[in-house]
Amino acid sequence: MASTHELNDEQVELAQMEAVGLFGIRPYWKDGHNTGIYGLSLLRAICPCEECAALRAAQ
């Protein structure tokens, strides 16, 4: 059975972001963790803004 875990404010608040090459970003969270690199293509694919939606629709 899965347990629920509530995140505290420091776990979800960004401290900074770092570019990783030309393909992604690494977030640094206020609680000190920074695991994970998020690819720009993934972020563009899930972005809800109108500009990104228009780009997806045009493809």
PDB file of N, CA and C in Angstrom:
ATOM      1  N   MET A   1       0.845  -1.171   0.000  1.00  0.00           N
ATOM      2  CA  MET A   1       0.000   0.000   0.000  1.00  0.00           C
ATOM      3  C   MET A   1       0.894   1.238   0.000  1.00  0.00           C
ATOM      4  N   ALA A   2       0.600   2.173  -0.878  1.00  0.00           N
ATOM      5  CA  ALA A   2       1.393   3.403  -0.994  1.00  0.00           C
ATOM      6  C   ALA A   2       1.003   4.379   0.103  1.00  0.00           C
ATOM      7  N   SER A   3       1.992   5.029   0.656  1.00  0.00           N
ATOM      8  CA  SER A   3       1.710   6.045   1.667  1.00  0.00           C
ATOM      9  C   SER A   3       1.714   7.417   1.002  1.00  0.00           C
ATOM     10  N   THR A   4       0.967   8.322   1.557  1.00  0.00           N
ATOM     11  CA  THR A   4       0.967   9.685   1.034  1.00  0.00           C
ATOM     12  C   THR A   4       2.013  10.484   1.786  1.00  0.00           C
ATOM     13  N   HIS A   5       2.674  11.333   1.061  1.00  0.00           N
ATOM     14  CA  HIS A   5       3.734  12.154   1.642  1.00  0.00           C
ATOM     15  C   HIS A   5       3.484  13.587   1.213  1.00  0.00           C
ATOM     16  N   GLU A   6       3.289  14.431   2.172  1.00  0.00           N
ATOM     17  CA  GLU A   6       3.086  15.841   1.854  1.00  0.00           C
ATOM     18  C   GLU A   6       4.437  16.534   1.775  1.00  0.00           C
ATOM     19  N   LEU A   7       4.596  17.341   0.745  1.00  0.00           N
ATOM     20  CA  LEU A   7       5.827  18.096   0.576  1.00  0.00           C
ATOM     21  C   LEU A   7       5.741  19.394   1.355  1.00  0.00           C
ATOM     22  N   ASN A   8       6.855  19.780   1.965  1.00  0.00           N
ATOM     23  CA  ASN A   8       6.844  21.059   2.667  1.00  0.00           C
ATOM     24  C   ASN A   8       7.230  22.175   1.701  1.00  0.00           C
ATOM     25  N   ASP A   9       7.079  23.405   2.130  1.00  0.00           N
ATOM     26  CA  ASP A   9       7.315  24.556   1.256  1.00  0.00           C
ATOM     27  C   ASP A   9       8.723  24.577   0.669  1.00  0.00           C
ATOM     28  N   GLU A  10       9.738  24.208   1.460  1.00  0.00           N
ATOM     29  CA  GLU A  10      11.110  24.235   0.963  1.00  0.00           C
ATOM     30  C   GLU A  10      11.352  23.192  -0.124  1.00  0.00           C
ATOM     31  N   GLN A  11      10.579  22.112  -0.131  1.00  0.00           N
ATOM     32  CA  GLN A  11      10.750  21.068  -1.134  1.00  0.00           C
ATOM     33  C   GLN A  11      10.161  21.460  -2.490  1.00  0.00           C
ATOM     34  N   VAL A  12       9.290  22.426  -2.522  1.00  0.00           N
ATOM     35  CA  VAL A  12       8.636  22.795  -3.781  1.00  0.00           C
ATOM     36  C   VAL A  12       8.956  24.216  -4.227  1.00  0.00           C
ATOM     37  N   GLU A  13       9.774  24.914  -3.463  1.00  0.00           N
ATOM     38  CA  GLU A  13      10.128  26.285  -3.825  1.00  0.00           C
ATOM     39  C   GLU A  13      11.531  26.313  -4.423  1.00  0.00           C
ATOM     40  N   LEU A  14      11.631  26.896  -5.624  1.00  0.00           N
ATOM     41  CA  LEU A  14      12.915  26.972  -6.319  1.00  0.00           C
ATOM     42  C   LEU A  14      13.846  27.987  -5.679  1.00  0.00           C
ATOM     43  N   ALA A  15      15.116  27.618  -5.586  1.00  0.00           N
ATOM     44  CA  ALA A  15      16.140  28.549  -5.144  1.00  0.00           C
ATOM     45  C   ALA A  15      16.839  29.148  -6.364  1.00  0.00           C
ATOM     46  N   GLN A  16      17.106  28.304  -7.370  1.00  0.00           N
ATOM     47  CA  GLN A  16      17.733  28.770  -8.614  1.00  0.00           C
ATOM     48  C   GLN A  16      17.577  27.694  -9.671  1.00  0.00           C
ATOM     49  N   MET A  17      17.921  28.049 -10.915  1.00  0.00           N
ATOM     50  CA  MET A  17      17.911  27.108 -12.032  1.00  0.00           C
ATOM     51  C   MET A  17      19.234  27.259 -12.766  1.00  0.00           C
ATOM     52  N   GLU A  18      19.713  26.151 -13.322  1.00  0.00           N
ATOM     53  CA  GLU A  18      20.984  26.144 -14.023  1.00  0.00           C
ATOM     54  C   GLU A  18      20.787  25.505 -15.399  1.00  0.00           C
ATOM     55  N   ALA A  19      21.305  26.146 -16.429  1.00  0.00           N
ATOM     56  CA  ALA A  19      21.284  25.556 -17.767  1.00  0.00           C
ATOM     57  C   ALA A  19      22.246  24.374 -17.800  1.00  0.00           C
ATOM     58  N   VAL A  20      21.829  23.310 -18.469  1.00  0.00           N
ATOM     59  CA  VAL A  20      22.666  22.132 -18.655  1.00  0.00           C
ATOM     60  C   VAL A  20      22.875  21.972 -20.161  1.00  0.00           C
ATOM     61  N   GLY A  21      24.021  22.401 -20.617  1.00  0.00           N
ATOM     62  CA  GLY A  21      24.281  22.390 -22.049  1.00  0.00           C
ATOM     63  C   GLY A  21      23.245  23.212 -22.785  1.00  0.00           C
ATOM     64  N   LEU A  22      22.868  22.733 -23.946  1.00  0.00           N
ATOM     65  CA  LEU A  22      21.829  23.397 -24.738  1.00  0.00           C
ATOM     66  C   LEU A  22      20.536  22.599 -24.734  1.00  0.00           C
ATOM     67  N   PHE A  23      20.424  21.632 -23.832  1.00  0.00           N
ATOM     68  CA  PHE A  23      19.277  20.739 -23.895  1.00  0.00           C
ATOM     69  C   PHE A  23      18.399  20.708 -22.655  1.00  0.00           C
ATOM     70  N   GLY A  24      18.805  21.296 -21.555  1.00  0.00           N
ATOM     71  CA  GLY A  24      17.972  21.154 -20.369  1.00  0.00           C
ATOM     72  C   GLY A  24      18.293  22.132 -19.262  1.00  0.00           C
ATOM     73  N   ILE A  25      17.581  21.951 -18.164  1.00  0.00           N
ATOM     74  CA  ILE A  25      17.780  22.763 -16.969  1.00  0.00           C
ATOM     75  C   ILE A  25      17.817  21.856 -15.748  1.00  0.00           C
ATOM     76  N   ARG A  26      18.534  22.314 -14.730  1.00  0.00           N
ATOM     77  CA  ARG A  26      18.577  21.623 -13.447  1.00  0.00           C
ATOM     78  C   ARG A  26      18.045  22.595 -12.404  1.00  0.00           C
ATOM     79  N   PRO A  27      16.944  22.233 -11.744  1.00  0.00           N
ATOM     80  CA  PRO A  27      16.445  23.088 -10.675  1.00  0.00           C
ATOM     81  C   PRO A  27      17.167  22.809  -9.356  1.00  0.00           C
ATOM     82  N   TYR A  28      17.369  23.844  -8.584  1.00  0.00           N
ATOM     83  CA  TYR A  28      17.887  23.738  -7.221  1.00  0.00           C
ATOM     84  C   TYR A  28      16.767  24.187  -6.297  1.00  0.00           C
ATOM     85  N   TRP A  29      16.363  23.307  -5.406  1.00  0.00           N
ATOM     86  CA  TRP A  29      15.242  23.575  -4.516  1.00  0.00           C
ATOM     87  C   TRP A  29      15.747  24.137  -3.196  1.00  0.00           C
ATOM     88  N   LYS A  30      14.880  24.858  -2.512  1.00  0.00           N
ATOM     89  CA  LYS A  30      15.283  25.504  -1.255  1.00  0.00           C
ATOM     90  C   LYS A  30      15.669  24.524  -0.164  1.00  0.00           C
ATOM     91  N   ASP A  31      15.249  23.265  -0.274  1.00  0.00           N
ATOM     92  CA  ASP A  31      15.656  22.289   0.744  1.00  0.00           C
ATOM     93  C   ASP A  31      17.035  21.699   0.449  1.00  0.00           C
ATOM     94  N   GLY A  32      17.668  22.145  -0.664  1.00  0.00           N
ATOM     95  CA  GLY A  32      19.023  21.732  -0.962  1.00  0.00           C
ATOM     96  C   GLY A  32      19.155  20.644  -2.015  1.00  0.00           C
ATOM     97  N   HIS A  33      18.057  19.991  -2.420  1.00  0.00           N
ATOM     98  CA  HIS A  33      18.231  18.936  -3.414  1.00  0.00           C
ATOM     99  C   HIS A  33      18.219  19.516  -4.823  1.00  0.00           C
ATOM    100  N   ASN A  34      18.921  18.823  -5.724  1.00  0.00           N
ATOM    101  CA  ASN A  34      19.020  19.292  -7.100  1.00  0.00           C
ATOM    102  C   ASN A  34      19.124  18.122  -8.068  1.00  0.00           C
ATOM    103  N   THR A  35      18.571  16.981  -7.695  1.00  0.00           N
ATOM    104  CA  THR A  35      18.646  15.823  -8.576  1.00  0.00           C
ATOM    105  C   THR A  35      17.677  16.004  -9.737  1.00  0.00           C
ATOM    106  N   GLY A  36      18.101  15.590 -10.898  1.00  0.00           N
ATOM    107  CA  GLY A  36      17.252  15.639 -12.077  1.00  0.00           C
ATOM    108  C   GLY A  36      17.616  16.758 -13.023  1.00  0.00           C
ATOM    109  N   ILE A  37      17.620  16.412 -14.282  1.00  0.00           N
ATOM    110  CA  ILE A  37      17.777  17.385 -15.358  1.00  0.00           C
ATOM    111  C   ILE A  37      16.529  17.263 -16.211  1.00  0.00           C
ATOM    112  N   TYR A  38      15.906  18.379 -16.491  1.00  0.00           N
ATOM    113  CA  TYR A  38      14.677  18.399 -17.270  1.00  0.00           C
ATOM    114  C   TYR A  38      14.991  18.902 -18.672  1.00  0.00           C
ATOM    115  N   GLY A  39      14.757  18.050 -19.664  1.00  0.00           N
ATOM    116  CA  GLY A  39      15.027  18.398 -21.046  1.00  0.00           C
ATOM    117  C   GLY A  39      14.081  19.484 -21.545  1.00  0.00           C
ATOM    118  N   LEU A  40      14.624  20.383 -22.345  1.00  0.00           N
ATOM    119  CA  LEU A  40      13.806  21.475 -22.871  1.00  0.00           C
ATOM    120  C   LEU A  40      12.679  20.958 -23.753  1.00  0.00           C
ATOM    121  N   SER A  41      12.914  19.871 -24.502  1.00  0.00           N
ATOM    122  CA  SER A  41      11.842  19.330 -25.346  1.00  0.00           C
ATOM    123  C   SER A  41      10.696  18.790 -24.487  1.00  0.00           C
ATOM    124  N   LEU A  42      11.007  18.163 -23.371  1.00  0.00           N
ATOM    125  CA  LEU A  42       9.958  17.691 -22.458  1.00  0.00           C
ATOM    126  C   LEU A  42       9.194  18.866 -21.875  1.00  0.00           C
ATOM    127  N   LEU A  43       9.911  19.874 -21.417  1.00  0.00           N
ATOM    128  CA  LEU A  43       9.254  21.034 -20.813  1.00  0.00           C
ATOM    129  C   LEU A  43       8.353  21.745 -21.817  1.00  0.00           C
ATOM    130  N   ARG A  44       8.825  21.854 -23.065  1.00  0.00           N
ATOM    131  CA  ARG A  44       8.013  22.485 -24.111  1.00  0.00           C
ATOM    132  C   ARG A  44       6.767  21.640 -24.384  1.00  0.00           C
ATOM    133  N   ALA A  45       6.907  20.315 -24.358  1.00  0.00           N
ATOM    134  CA  ALA A  45       5.793  19.413 -24.641  1.00  0.00           C
ATOM    135  C   ALA A  45       4.701  19.465 -23.570  1.00  0.00           C
ATOM    136  N   ILE A  46       5.071  19.774 -22.335  1.00  0.00           N
ATOM    137  CA  ILE A  46       4.069  19.789 -21.260  1.00  0.00           C
ATOM    138  C   ILE A  46       3.671  21.198 -20.830  1.00  0.00           C
ATOM    139  N   CYS A  47       4.272  22.202 -21.458  1.00  0.00           N
ATOM    140  CA  CYS A  47       3.983  23.586 -21.089  1.00  0.00           C
ATOM    141  C   CYS A  47       2.545  23.949 -21.467  1.00  0.00           C
ATOM    142  N   PRO A  48       1.792  24.533 -20.544  1.00  0.00           N
ATOM    143  CA  PRO A  48       0.395  24.865 -20.838  1.00  0.00           C
ATOM    144  C   PRO A  48       0.176  26.252 -21.473  1.00  0.00           C
ATOM    145  N   CYS A  49       1.237  27.012 -21.713  1.00  0.00           N
ATOM    146  CA  CYS A  49       1.023  28.370 -22.221  1.00  0.00           C
ATOM    147  C   CYS A  49       0.534  28.363 -23.670  1.00  0.00           C
ATOM    148  N   GLU A  50      -0.064  29.457 -24.091  1.00  0.00           N
ATOM    149  CA  GLU A  50      -0.627  29.564 -25.437  1.00  0.00           C
ATOM    150  C   GLU A  50       0.439  29.443 -26.519  1.00  0.00           C
ATOM    151  N   GLU A  51       1.610  30.018 -26.292  1.00  0.00           N
ATOM    152  CA  GLU A  51       2.674  29.970 -27.291  1.00  0.00           C
ATOM    153  C   GLU A  51       3.116  28.529 -27.550  1.00  0.00           C
ATOM    154  N   CYS A  52       3.323  27.769 -26.492  1.00  0.00           N
ATOM    155  CA  CYS A  52       3.740  26.377 -26.658  1.00  0.00           C
ATOM    156  C   CYS A  52       2.630  25.528 -27.265  1.00  0.00           C
ATOM    157  N   ALA A  53       1.391  25.778 -26.864  1.00  0.00           N
ATOM    158  CA  ALA A  53       0.271  25.058 -27.441  1.00  0.00           C
ATOM    159  C   ALA A  53       0.174  25.313 -28.937  1.00  0.00           C
ATOM    160  N   ALA A  54       0.402  26.558 -29.369  1.00  0.00           N
ATOM    161  CA  ALA A  54       0.360  26.893 -30.790  1.00  0.00           C
ATOM    162  C   ALA A  54       1.486  26.188 -31.542  1.00  0.00           C
ATOM    163  N   LEU A  55       2.682  26.129 -30.940  1.00  0.00           N
ATOM    164  CA  LEU A  55       3.794  25.423 -31.579  1.00  0.00           C
ATOM    165  C   LEU A  55       3.500  23.933 -31.734  1.00  0.00           C
ATOM    166  N   ARG A  56       2.907  23.333 -30.718  1.00  0.00           N
ATOM    167  CA  ARG A  56       2.551  21.900 -30.802  1.00  0.00           C
ATOM    168  C   ARG A  56       1.501  21.677 -31.877  1.00  0.00           C
ATOM    169  N   ALA A  57       0.517  22.560 -31.954  1.00  0.00           N
ATOM    170  CA  ALA A  57      -0.560  22.407 -32.940  1.00  0.00           C
ATOM    171  C   ALA A  57      -0.050  22.552 -34.370  1.00  0.00           C
ATOM    172  N   ALA A  58       1.003  23.358 -34.557  1.00  0.00           N
ATOM    173  CA  ALA A  58       1.551  23.596 -35.891  1.00  0.00           C
ATOM    174  C   ALA A  58       2.410  22.430 -36.380  1.00  0.00           C
ATOM    175  N   GLN A  59       2.796  21.542 -35.498  1.00  0.00           N
ATOM    176  CA  GLN A  59       3.675  20.432 -35.889  1.00  0.00           C
ATOM    177  C   GLN A  59       2.913  19.284 -36.473  1.00  0.00           C
TER     178      GLN A  59
END
